[in-house]
Amino acid sequence: MKRKNKIFTVQFRRKREGKTNYRKRIELLKSGKPRLVVRPFLKNIIAQIIEFDKVGDRTIASATGYELEKFGWHFSKGNIPAAYLTGLLAGRKGLKKGIKEAVLDIGGKTPIKGTRVFACLKGAIDAGLDVPHSEDVFPSEDRLRGEHIKRYFELGGWNSKSQFAEMKKKGVDVEKITNIFEEVKKKIMEM
């Protein structure tokens, strides 16, 4: 009876763990432009402008939803208006460092139009970054400003123990979300 040895090649660790799609990564790196990396989480969103380096990627500019508190944003850091403002902040920081163009890197996320990822992209573009995009993927202007949150609050169908409870503790008026959004946007654009 013959014995056969099967050669088994182990994949890269990051590929095994589902963290990196190397085919997508190489396509983004071929552009030669920095990447606008957007990573949404449940209660936060992170936007970074990252440049490739042989030793390891270098972060040029970074912004998170929690940085918006310095500008007066005391609402959720993970909603669509916060994603837009985070992208705006990352774009402004990138422009200060001399970055004028980038390509969008959404990682393993499925690109669905109107989501926080594309709200963040819209913010970076409005800040002045040149990023290839399609206009139909962005959320509507009403959603970017938080009109949908204001309408939902006014309907009163929410659970007072969980939804908007954190904002009530902070003493933030949800009905003024659009005004506060415009104020924060203005402060970020002036920096």
N, C-alpha and C. Protein backbone atom coordinates (compact mmCIF):
# COMPACT_ATOMS: atom_id res chain seq x y z
N MET A 1 0.83 -1.17 0.00
CA MET A 1 0.00 0.00 0.00
C MET A 1 0.88 1.24 0.00
N LYS A 2 0.58 2.13 -0.93
CA LYS A 2 1.35 3.35 -1.04
C LYS A 2 0.81 4.42 -0.10
N ARG A 3 1.71 5.13 0.47
CA ARG A 3 1.31 6.23 1.35
C ARG A 3 1.54 7.54 0.61
N LYS A 4 0.52 8.41 0.61
CA LYS A 4 0.63 9.70 -0.07
C LYS A 4 0.68 10.81 0.97
N ASN A 5 1.60 11.70 0.77
CA ASN A 5 1.67 12.88 1.63
C ASN A 5 1.01 14.04 0.91
N LYS A 6 0.12 14.70 1.60
CA LYS A 6 -0.54 15.85 1.02
C LYS A 6 0.16 17.10 1.53
N ILE A 7 0.56 17.95 0.61
CA ILE A 7 1.20 19.20 1.00
C ILE A 7 0.10 20.22 1.27
N PHE A 8 0.15 20.80 2.43
CA PHE A 8 -0.86 21.78 2.83
C PHE A 8 -0.19 23.12 3.06
N THR A 9 -0.65 24.13 2.35
CA THR A 9 -0.10 25.47 2.51
C THR A 9 -0.98 26.25 3.47
N VAL A 10 -0.37 26.77 4.51
CA VAL A 10 -1.10 27.57 5.49
C VAL A 10 -1.25 28.99 4.96
N GLN A 11 -2.46 29.52 5.03
CA GLN A 11 -2.71 30.88 4.58
C GLN A 11 -2.11 31.88 5.56
N PHE A 12 -1.94 33.12 5.08
CA PHE A 12 -1.49 34.18 5.97
C PHE A 12 -2.47 34.31 7.13
N ARG A 13 -1.94 34.64 8.29
CA ARG A 13 -2.76 34.72 9.50
C ARG A 13 -3.93 35.70 9.32
N ARG A 14 -3.67 36.89 8.78
CA ARG A 14 -4.73 37.89 8.63
C ARG A 14 -5.80 37.43 7.63
N LYS A 15 -5.42 36.63 6.67
CA LYS A 15 -6.40 36.09 5.73
C LYS A 15 -7.23 35.01 6.42
N ARG A 16 -6.56 34.14 7.20
CA ARG A 16 -7.27 33.09 7.94
C ARG A 16 -8.30 33.68 8.88
N GLU A 17 -7.93 34.79 9.55
CA GLU A 17 -8.82 35.42 10.53
C GLU A 17 -9.90 36.27 9.87
N GLY A 18 -9.83 36.44 8.56
CA GLY A 18 -10.82 37.24 7.85
C GLY A 18 -10.62 38.73 8.00
N LYS A 19 -9.43 39.16 8.39
CA LYS A 19 -9.15 40.57 8.62
C LYS A 19 -8.69 41.30 7.35
N THR A 20 -7.99 40.61 6.47
CA THR A 20 -7.43 41.26 5.29
C THR A 20 -7.75 40.45 4.04
N ASN A 21 -8.30 41.14 3.05
CA ASN A 21 -8.49 40.56 1.74
C ASN A 21 -7.34 41.09 0.88
N TYR A 22 -6.34 40.26 0.67
CA TYR A 22 -5.12 40.72 0.01
C TYR A 22 -5.34 41.09 -1.45
N ARG A 23 -6.31 40.50 -2.11
CA ARG A 23 -6.61 40.87 -3.50
C ARG A 23 -7.14 42.30 -3.56
N LYS A 24 -8.07 42.63 -2.66
CA LYS A 24 -8.60 44.00 -2.63
C LYS A 24 -7.51 44.99 -2.21
N ARG A 25 -6.71 44.58 -1.24
CA ARG A 25 -5.65 45.47 -0.74
C ARG A 25 -4.66 45.82 -1.84
N ILE A 26 -4.24 44.84 -2.63
CA ILE A 26 -3.26 45.12 -3.68
C ILE A 26 -3.86 46.02 -4.75
N GLU A 27 -5.15 45.86 -5.04
CA GLU A 27 -5.81 46.74 -6.02
C GLU A 27 -5.82 48.18 -5.52
N LEU A 28 -6.08 48.38 -4.23
CA LEU A 28 -6.07 49.73 -3.67
C LEU A 28 -4.66 50.32 -3.68
N LEU A 29 -3.67 49.50 -3.38
CA LEU A 29 -2.29 49.98 -3.32
C LEU A 29 -1.74 50.30 -4.71
N LYS A 30 -2.24 49.63 -5.74
CA LYS A 30 -1.78 49.89 -7.11
C LYS A 30 -2.09 51.31 -7.55
N SER A 31 -3.11 51.92 -6.96
CA SER A 31 -3.47 53.29 -7.34
C SER A 31 -2.36 54.28 -6.99
N GLY A 32 -1.55 53.95 -5.99
CA GLY A 32 -0.47 54.85 -5.58
C GLY A 32 -0.94 56.01 -4.73
N LYS A 33 -2.23 56.03 -4.42
CA LYS A 33 -2.79 57.11 -3.61
C LYS A 33 -2.95 56.63 -2.17
N PRO A 34 -2.99 57.57 -1.22
CA PRO A 34 -3.31 57.18 0.16
C PRO A 34 -4.73 56.61 0.23
N ARG A 35 -4.99 55.81 1.25
CA ARG A 35 -6.32 55.21 1.42
C ARG A 35 -7.10 55.96 2.49
N LEU A 36 -8.37 56.24 2.21
CA LEU A 36 -9.28 56.75 3.23
C LEU A 36 -9.95 55.51 3.82
N VAL A 37 -9.50 55.10 4.99
CA VAL A 37 -9.98 53.88 5.63
C VAL A 37 -11.11 54.24 6.57
N VAL A 38 -12.29 53.67 6.35
CA VAL A 38 -13.47 53.94 7.17
C VAL A 38 -13.87 52.64 7.86
N ARG A 39 -13.94 52.68 9.19
CA ARG A 39 -14.34 51.51 9.97
C ARG A 39 -15.46 51.90 10.92
N PRO A 40 -16.71 51.52 10.60
CA PRO A 40 -17.83 51.82 11.49
C PRO A 40 -17.99 50.76 12.57
N PHE A 41 -18.30 51.21 13.77
CA PHE A 41 -18.62 50.34 14.89
C PHE A 41 -20.01 50.73 15.38
N LEU A 42 -20.53 50.00 16.34
CA LEU A 42 -21.89 50.27 16.80
C LEU A 42 -22.03 51.68 17.39
N LYS A 43 -21.08 52.08 18.24
CA LYS A 43 -21.20 53.37 18.91
C LYS A 43 -20.11 54.36 18.51
N ASN A 44 -19.41 54.09 17.43
CA ASN A 44 -18.32 54.96 17.02
C ASN A 44 -18.02 54.73 15.55
N ILE A 45 -17.27 55.62 14.97
CA ILE A 45 -16.77 55.43 13.60
C ILE A 45 -15.37 56.00 13.55
N ILE A 46 -14.50 55.32 12.83
CA ILE A 46 -13.11 55.76 12.71
C ILE A 46 -12.82 56.00 11.23
N ALA A 47 -12.21 57.15 10.94
CA ALA A 47 -11.77 57.47 9.58
C ALA A 47 -10.29 57.81 9.64
N GLN A 48 -9.51 57.14 8.81
CA GLN A 48 -8.06 57.37 8.79
C GLN A 48 -7.59 57.53 7.35
N ILE A 49 -6.59 58.37 7.17
CA ILE A 49 -5.92 58.46 5.88
C ILE A 49 -4.58 57.78 6.06
N ILE A 50 -4.38 56.69 5.33
CA ILE A 50 -3.22 55.82 5.52
C ILE A 50 -2.42 55.72 4.23
N GLU A 51 -1.11 55.81 4.36
CA GLU A 51 -0.20 55.71 3.24
C GLU A 51 0.60 54.41 3.34
N PHE A 52 0.81 53.76 2.22
CA PHE A 52 1.58 52.51 2.20
C PHE A 52 3.06 52.81 2.41
N ASP A 53 3.71 51.96 3.19
CA ASP A 53 5.16 52.00 3.37
C ASP A 53 5.62 50.55 3.42
N LYS A 54 6.81 50.27 2.90
CA LYS A 54 7.30 48.88 2.86
C LYS A 54 7.43 48.29 4.26
N VAL A 55 7.80 49.11 5.22
CA VAL A 55 7.95 48.64 6.60
C VAL A 55 6.59 48.38 7.23
N GLY A 56 5.62 49.22 6.92
CA GLY A 56 4.27 49.10 7.45
C GLY A 56 3.50 50.35 7.10
N ASP A 57 2.20 50.25 7.01
CA ASP A 57 1.39 51.41 6.65
C ASP A 57 1.56 52.53 7.67
N ARG A 58 1.53 53.78 7.17
CA ARG A 58 1.66 54.95 8.04
C ARG A 58 0.34 55.70 8.06
N THR A 59 -0.13 56.04 9.25
CA THR A 59 -1.34 56.82 9.39
C THR A 59 -0.99 58.29 9.30
N ILE A 60 -1.54 58.98 8.31
CA ILE A 60 -1.27 60.40 8.09
C ILE A 60 -2.21 61.24 8.95
N ALA A 61 -3.49 60.91 8.91
CA ALA A 61 -4.50 61.66 9.67
C ALA A 61 -5.55 60.67 10.16
N SER A 62 -6.11 60.97 11.32
CA SER A 62 -7.10 60.08 11.90
C SER A 62 -8.16 60.88 12.64
N ALA A 63 -9.40 60.41 12.61
CA ALA A 63 -10.48 61.05 13.36
C ALA A 63 -11.45 59.97 13.83
N THR A 64 -11.97 60.14 15.04
CA THR A 64 -12.99 59.24 15.57
C THR A 64 -14.21 60.04 15.97
N GLY A 65 -15.30 59.35 16.17
CA GLY A 65 -16.53 60.02 16.59
C GLY A 65 -16.39 60.71 17.94
N TYR A 66 -15.52 60.18 18.79
CA TYR A 66 -15.36 60.77 20.12
C TYR A 66 -14.66 62.12 20.07
N GLU A 67 -13.92 62.41 19.02
CA GLU A 67 -13.27 63.72 18.88
C GLU A 67 -14.29 64.82 18.63
N LEU A 68 -15.49 64.45 18.20
CA LEU A 68 -16.52 65.45 17.90
C LEU A 68 -17.01 66.16 19.15
N GLU A 69 -16.81 65.57 20.32
CA GLU A 69 -17.23 66.22 21.56
C GLU A 69 -16.52 67.55 21.77
N LYS A 70 -15.27 67.65 21.30
CA LYS A 70 -14.52 68.90 21.43
C LYS A 70 -15.17 70.02 20.62
N PHE A 71 -15.93 69.65 19.60
CA PHE A 71 -16.58 70.64 18.75
C PHE A 71 -18.04 70.89 19.15
N GLY A 72 -18.51 70.19 20.19
CA GLY A 72 -19.87 70.41 20.68
C GLY A 72 -20.89 69.36 20.27
N TRP A 73 -20.45 68.24 19.73
CA TRP A 73 -21.38 67.16 19.33
C TRP A 73 -21.53 66.20 20.50
N HIS A 74 -22.68 66.23 21.17
CA HIS A 74 -22.91 65.37 22.33
C HIS A 74 -23.98 64.32 22.06
N PHE A 75 -24.25 64.08 20.79
CA PHE A 75 -25.18 63.02 20.41
C PHE A 75 -24.40 61.73 20.21
N SER A 76 -25.07 60.71 19.68
CA SER A 76 -24.41 59.43 19.42
C SER A 76 -23.23 59.63 18.48
N LYS A 77 -22.18 58.86 18.71
CA LYS A 77 -20.98 58.97 17.87
C LYS A 77 -21.01 57.97 16.72
N GLY A 78 -22.07 57.17 16.64
CA GLY A 78 -22.13 56.13 15.62
C GLY A 78 -23.23 56.31 14.59
N ASN A 79 -23.94 57.45 14.61
CA ASN A 79 -25.03 57.63 13.65
C ASN A 79 -24.54 58.30 12.36
N ILE A 80 -25.43 58.51 11.42
CA ILE A 80 -25.05 59.05 10.11
C ILE A 80 -24.50 60.47 10.21
N PRO A 81 -25.13 61.40 10.96
CA PRO A 81 -24.53 62.73 11.07
C PRO A 81 -23.14 62.71 11.69
N ALA A 82 -22.93 61.86 12.69
CA ALA A 82 -21.60 61.75 13.31
C ALA A 82 -20.59 61.17 12.32
N ALA A 83 -21.02 60.24 11.48
CA ALA A 83 -20.13 59.67 10.47
C ALA A 83 -19.71 60.74 9.47
N TYR A 84 -20.67 61.58 9.05
CA TYR A 84 -20.35 62.67 8.13
C TYR A 84 -19.34 63.63 8.76
N LEU A 85 -19.59 64.02 10.01
CA LEU A 85 -18.70 64.96 10.69
C LEU A 85 -17.31 64.35 10.92
N THR A 86 -17.25 63.06 11.20
CA THR A 86 -15.97 62.38 11.38
C THR A 86 -15.18 62.38 10.07
N GLY A 87 -15.85 62.12 8.96
CA GLY A 87 -15.20 62.18 7.65
C GLY A 87 -14.73 63.58 7.33
N LEU A 88 -15.54 64.57 7.70
CA LEU A 88 -15.17 65.97 7.49
C LEU A 88 -13.91 66.32 8.28
N LEU A 89 -13.87 65.87 9.53
CA LEU A 89 -12.71 66.13 10.39
C LEU A 89 -11.46 65.43 9.86
N ALA A 90 -11.60 64.18 9.45
CA ALA A 90 -10.44 63.45 8.90
C ALA A 90 -9.96 64.11 7.61
N GLY A 91 -10.88 64.56 6.79
CA GLY A 91 -10.52 65.24 5.55
C GLY A 91 -9.77 66.54 5.80
N ARG A 92 -10.24 67.31 6.77
CA ARG A 92 -9.56 68.58 7.11
C ARG A 92 -8.16 68.31 7.66
N LYS A 93 -8.03 67.30 8.51
CA LYS A 93 -6.71 66.95 9.05
C LYS A 93 -5.77 66.49 7.93
N GLY A 94 -6.30 65.73 6.99
CA GLY A 94 -5.50 65.27 5.86
C GLY A 94 -5.04 66.41 4.97
N LEU A 95 -5.93 67.38 4.74
CA LEU A 95 -5.55 68.54 3.93
C LEU A 95 -4.45 69.35 4.59
N LYS A 96 -4.50 69.45 5.92
CA LYS A 96 -3.44 70.17 6.65
C LYS A 96 -2.09 69.48 6.48
N LYS A 97 -2.11 68.15 6.33
CA LYS A 97 -0.86 67.39 6.17
C LYS A 97 -0.44 67.28 4.70
N GLY A 98 -1.20 67.92 3.80
CA GLY A 98 -0.81 67.93 2.39
C GLY A 98 -1.42 66.84 1.53
N ILE A 99 -2.37 66.10 2.05
CA ILE A 99 -3.04 65.05 1.28
C ILE A 99 -4.19 65.69 0.50
N LYS A 100 -4.20 65.50 -0.81
CA LYS A 100 -5.24 66.10 -1.64
C LYS A 100 -6.19 65.06 -2.24
N GLU A 101 -5.71 63.82 -2.36
CA GLU A 101 -6.55 62.78 -2.95
C GLU A 101 -6.34 61.46 -2.23
N ALA A 102 -7.33 60.59 -2.34
CA ALA A 102 -7.28 59.28 -1.67
C ALA A 102 -8.23 58.33 -2.38
N VAL A 103 -8.17 57.06 -2.01
CA VAL A 103 -9.14 56.07 -2.47
C VAL A 103 -9.82 55.48 -1.24
N LEU A 104 -11.09 55.15 -1.38
CA LEU A 104 -11.87 54.65 -0.25
C LEU A 104 -11.56 53.18 0.02
N ASP A 105 -11.32 52.86 1.29
CA ASP A 105 -11.07 51.49 1.74
C ASP A 105 -12.10 51.18 2.82
N ILE A 106 -13.07 50.31 2.50
CA ILE A 106 -14.10 49.98 3.49
C ILE A 106 -13.89 48.60 4.10
N GLY A 107 -12.76 47.98 3.80
CA GLY A 107 -12.43 46.69 4.40
C GLY A 107 -13.39 45.61 3.94
N GLY A 108 -13.86 44.82 4.88
CA GLY A 108 -14.74 43.71 4.56
C GLY A 108 -16.22 44.07 4.53
N LYS A 109 -16.53 45.34 4.69
CA LYS A 109 -17.93 45.76 4.70
C LYS A 109 -18.54 45.67 3.30
N THR A 110 -19.81 45.32 3.24
CA THR A 110 -20.53 45.31 1.98
C THR A 110 -20.94 46.74 1.65
N PRO A 111 -20.63 47.23 0.46
CA PRO A 111 -21.00 48.61 0.13
C PRO A 111 -22.50 48.73 -0.14
N ILE A 112 -23.21 49.35 0.78
CA ILE A 112 -24.65 49.57 0.65
C ILE A 112 -24.88 51.07 0.64
N LYS A 113 -25.60 51.57 -0.37
CA LYS A 113 -25.75 53.01 -0.50
C LYS A 113 -26.54 53.60 0.67
N GLY A 114 -26.14 54.81 1.07
CA GLY A 114 -26.82 55.52 2.15
C GLY A 114 -26.35 55.15 3.54
N THR A 115 -25.31 54.34 3.68
CA THR A 115 -24.85 53.91 5.00
C THR A 115 -23.84 54.90 5.58
N ARG A 116 -23.41 54.61 6.81
CA ARG A 116 -22.47 55.48 7.51
C ARG A 116 -21.13 55.56 6.80
N VAL A 117 -20.73 54.48 6.14
CA VAL A 117 -19.46 54.48 5.40
C VAL A 117 -19.48 55.58 4.34
N PHE A 118 -20.58 55.68 3.61
CA PHE A 118 -20.66 56.67 2.54
C PHE A 118 -20.98 58.06 3.08
N ALA A 119 -21.57 58.14 4.27
CA ALA A 119 -21.72 59.45 4.92
C ALA A 119 -20.34 59.99 5.29
N CYS A 120 -19.48 59.12 5.77
CA CYS A 120 -18.11 59.50 6.11
C CYS A 120 -17.35 59.93 4.84
N LEU A 121 -17.54 59.20 3.76
CA LEU A 121 -16.91 59.57 2.49
C LEU A 121 -17.39 60.94 2.04
N LYS A 122 -18.68 61.21 2.16
CA LYS A 122 -19.24 62.51 1.77
C LYS A 122 -18.60 63.63 2.59
N GLY A 123 -18.38 63.39 3.88
CA GLY A 123 -17.73 64.38 4.73
C GLY A 123 -16.31 64.67 4.27
N ALA A 124 -15.57 63.62 3.93
CA ALA A 124 -14.18 63.80 3.47
C ALA A 124 -14.15 64.57 2.15
N ILE A 125 -15.09 64.30 1.27
CA ILE A 125 -15.15 65.00 -0.02
C ILE A 125 -15.51 66.46 0.20
N ASP A 126 -16.48 66.73 1.09
CA ASP A 126 -16.85 68.11 1.40
C ASP A 126 -15.72 68.88 2.07
N ALA A 127 -14.82 68.16 2.73
CA ALA A 127 -13.67 68.81 3.36
C ALA A 127 -12.66 69.25 2.30
N GLY A 128 -12.70 68.64 1.12
CA GLY A 128 -11.80 69.03 0.06
C GLY A 128 -10.95 67.91 -0.51
N LEU A 129 -11.11 66.70 0.01
CA LEU A 129 -10.35 65.57 -0.54
C LEU A 129 -10.95 65.14 -1.87
N ASP A 130 -10.11 64.72 -2.77
CA ASP A 130 -10.55 64.20 -4.06
C ASP A 130 -10.55 62.67 -3.98
N VAL A 131 -11.75 62.09 -3.86
CA VAL A 131 -11.89 60.63 -3.73
C VAL A 131 -12.84 60.16 -4.84
N PRO A 132 -12.44 59.18 -5.65
CA PRO A 132 -13.35 58.67 -6.68
C PRO A 132 -14.63 58.11 -6.04
N HIS A 133 -15.78 58.49 -6.58
CA HIS A 133 -17.05 58.07 -5.99
C HIS A 133 -18.18 58.21 -7.00
N SER A 134 -19.33 57.70 -6.61
CA SER A 134 -20.56 57.86 -7.37
C SER A 134 -21.54 58.63 -6.49
N GLU A 135 -22.20 59.62 -7.05
CA GLU A 135 -23.08 60.49 -6.26
C GLU A 135 -24.28 59.75 -5.66
N ASP A 136 -24.71 58.67 -6.29
CA ASP A 136 -25.93 58.00 -5.82
C ASP A 136 -25.73 57.13 -4.58
N VAL A 137 -24.51 56.99 -4.08
CA VAL A 137 -24.28 56.16 -2.89
C VAL A 137 -24.43 56.95 -1.59
N PHE A 138 -24.45 58.27 -1.67
CA PHE A 138 -24.50 59.09 -0.46
C PHE A 138 -25.90 59.09 0.16
N PRO A 139 -25.96 59.23 1.50
CA PRO A 139 -27.26 59.43 2.15
C PRO A 139 -27.83 60.79 1.74
N SER A 140 -29.14 60.96 1.88
CA SER A 140 -29.75 62.24 1.53
C SER A 140 -29.27 63.33 2.50
N GLU A 141 -29.42 64.58 2.07
CA GLU A 141 -29.00 65.71 2.91
C GLU A 141 -29.76 65.72 4.24
N ASP A 142 -31.04 65.33 4.23
CA ASP A 142 -31.83 65.28 5.47
C ASP A 142 -31.22 64.30 6.46
N ARG A 143 -30.81 63.14 5.98
CA ARG A 143 -30.21 62.14 6.86
C ARG A 143 -28.83 62.59 7.35
N LEU A 144 -28.08 63.27 6.50
CA LEU A 144 -26.76 63.77 6.92
C LEU A 144 -26.89 64.78 8.05
N ARG A 145 -27.93 65.61 8.01
CA ARG A 145 -28.15 66.63 9.04
C ARG A 145 -28.84 66.08 10.28
N GLY A 146 -29.41 64.89 10.21
CA GLY A 146 -30.06 64.29 11.36
C GLY A 146 -31.56 64.54 11.44
N GLU A 147 -32.16 64.93 10.33
CA GLU A 147 -33.61 65.18 10.31
C GLU A 147 -34.40 63.92 10.68
N HIS A 148 -33.92 62.75 10.26
CA HIS A 148 -34.63 61.50 10.55
C HIS A 148 -34.62 61.20 12.05
N ILE A 149 -33.57 61.57 12.74
CA ILE A 149 -33.49 61.36 14.20
C ILE A 149 -34.47 62.30 14.89
N LYS A 150 -34.51 63.53 14.44
CA LYS A 150 -35.42 64.53 15.00
C LYS A 150 -36.88 64.10 14.81
N ARG A 151 -37.22 63.63 13.61
CA ARG A 151 -38.60 63.18 13.33
C ARG A 151 -38.98 61.99 14.21
N TYR A 152 -38.06 61.05 14.36
CA TYR A 152 -38.32 59.86 15.19
C TYR A 152 -38.55 60.26 16.64
N PHE A 153 -37.77 61.21 17.13
CA PHE A 153 -37.92 61.68 18.50
C PHE A 153 -39.28 62.36 18.69
N GLU A 154 -39.68 63.16 17.70
CA GLU A 154 -40.96 63.87 17.79
C GLU A 154 -42.15 62.93 17.75
N LEU A 155 -42.02 61.78 17.09
CA LEU A 155 -43.12 60.80 17.04
C LEU A 155 -43.41 60.23 18.42
N GLY A 156 -42.38 60.10 19.24
CA GLY A 156 -42.56 59.62 20.60
C GLY A 156 -42.74 58.13 20.74
N GLY A 157 -42.47 57.36 19.71
CA GLY A 157 -42.63 55.91 19.77
C GLY A 157 -41.42 55.19 20.32
N TRP A 158 -40.48 55.89 20.88
CA TRP A 158 -39.24 55.29 21.34
C TRP A 158 -39.34 54.88 22.80
N ASN A 159 -38.45 54.01 23.21
CA ASN A 159 -38.40 53.50 24.58
C ASN A 159 -37.59 54.48 25.42
N SER A 160 -38.22 55.11 26.38
CA SER A 160 -37.57 56.17 27.16
C SER A 160 -36.44 55.65 28.04
N LYS A 161 -36.42 54.35 28.31
CA LYS A 161 -35.37 53.81 29.19
C LYS A 161 -34.06 53.59 28.45
N SER A 162 -34.12 53.44 27.13
CA SER A 162 -32.87 53.16 26.41
C SER A 162 -32.56 54.22 25.35
N GLN A 163 -33.47 54.42 24.40
CA GLN A 163 -33.20 55.35 23.33
C GLN A 163 -33.29 56.78 23.83
N PHE A 164 -32.34 57.57 23.52
CA PHE A 164 -32.25 58.99 23.89
C PHE A 164 -32.04 59.21 25.38
N ALA A 165 -31.91 58.14 26.18
CA ALA A 165 -31.73 58.30 27.62
C ALA A 165 -30.38 58.95 27.93
N GLU A 166 -29.35 58.56 27.20
CA GLU A 166 -28.02 59.12 27.42
C GLU A 166 -28.01 60.62 27.10
N MET A 167 -28.73 61.00 26.06
CA MET A 167 -28.80 62.41 25.70
C MET A 167 -29.56 63.22 26.74
N LYS A 168 -30.60 62.61 27.31
CA LYS A 168 -31.36 63.30 28.35
C LYS A 168 -30.51 63.52 29.59
N LYS A 169 -29.66 62.52 29.93
CA LYS A 169 -28.77 62.66 31.08
C LYS A 169 -27.80 63.81 30.88
N LYS A 170 -27.32 63.97 29.64
CA LYS A 170 -26.38 65.04 29.33
C LYS A 170 -27.08 66.40 29.18
N GLY A 171 -28.40 66.38 29.13
CA GLY A 171 -29.15 67.62 28.98
C GLY A 171 -29.16 68.16 27.55
N VAL A 172 -29.02 67.26 26.59
CA VAL A 172 -29.00 67.65 25.18
C VAL A 172 -30.41 67.57 24.61
N ASP A 173 -30.83 68.60 23.90
CA ASP A 173 -32.15 68.63 23.29
C ASP A 173 -32.06 68.00 21.89
N VAL A 174 -32.72 66.86 21.73
CA VAL A 174 -32.66 66.12 20.46
C VAL A 174 -33.29 66.92 19.33
N GLU A 175 -34.25 67.76 19.64
CA GLU A 175 -34.93 68.53 18.60
C GLU A 175 -34.02 69.58 17.97
N LYS A 176 -32.87 69.85 18.58
CA LYS A 176 -31.93 70.84 18.03
C LYS A 176 -30.76 70.17 17.31
N ILE A 177 -30.90 68.91 16.97
CA ILE A 177 -29.78 68.17 16.36
C ILE A 177 -29.32 68.80 15.06
N THR A 178 -30.25 69.31 14.24
CA THR A 178 -29.84 69.89 12.95
C THR A 178 -29.07 71.19 13.16
N ASN A 179 -29.49 72.00 14.13
CA ASN A 179 -28.78 73.25 14.42
C ASN A 179 -27.38 72.97 14.94
N ILE A 180 -27.28 72.01 15.85
CA ILE A 180 -25.98 71.66 16.43
C ILE A 180 -25.08 71.05 15.34
N PHE A 181 -25.67 70.26 14.44
CA PHE A 181 -24.90 69.70 13.33
C PHE A 181 -24.26 70.81 12.50
N GLU A 182 -25.03 71.83 12.17
CA GLU A 182 -24.50 72.94 11.36
C GLU A 182 -23.41 73.70 12.10
N GLU A 183 -23.58 73.89 13.43
CA GLU A 183 -22.56 74.58 14.23
C GLU A 183 -21.25 73.79 14.26
N VAL A 184 -21.36 72.48 14.48
CA VAL A 184 -20.16 71.63 14.54
C VAL A 184 -19.47 71.60 13.17
N LYS A 185 -20.26 71.50 12.11
CA LYS A 185 -19.70 71.50 10.76
C LYS A 185 -18.93 72.79 10.49
N LYS A 186 -19.50 73.91 10.92
CA LYS A 186 -18.84 75.20 10.73
C LYS A 186 -17.52 75.27 11.50
N LYS A 187 -17.51 74.77 12.74
CA LYS A 187 -16.29 74.77 13.56
C LYS A 187 -15.20 73.92 12.93
N ILE A 188 -15.59 72.77 12.39
CA ILE A 188 -14.60 71.88 11.77
C ILE A 188 -14.03 72.52 10.50
N MET A 189 -14.88 73.16 9.71
CA MET A 189 -14.41 73.78 8.47
C MET A 189 -13.49 74.97 8.74
N GLU A 190 -13.64 75.61 9.91
CA GLU A 190 -12.80 76.76 10.26
C GLU A 190 -11.44 76.35 10.80
N MET A 191 -11.27 75.11 11.20
CA MET A 191 -9.98 74.71 11.79
C MET A 191 -8.88 74.58 10.77
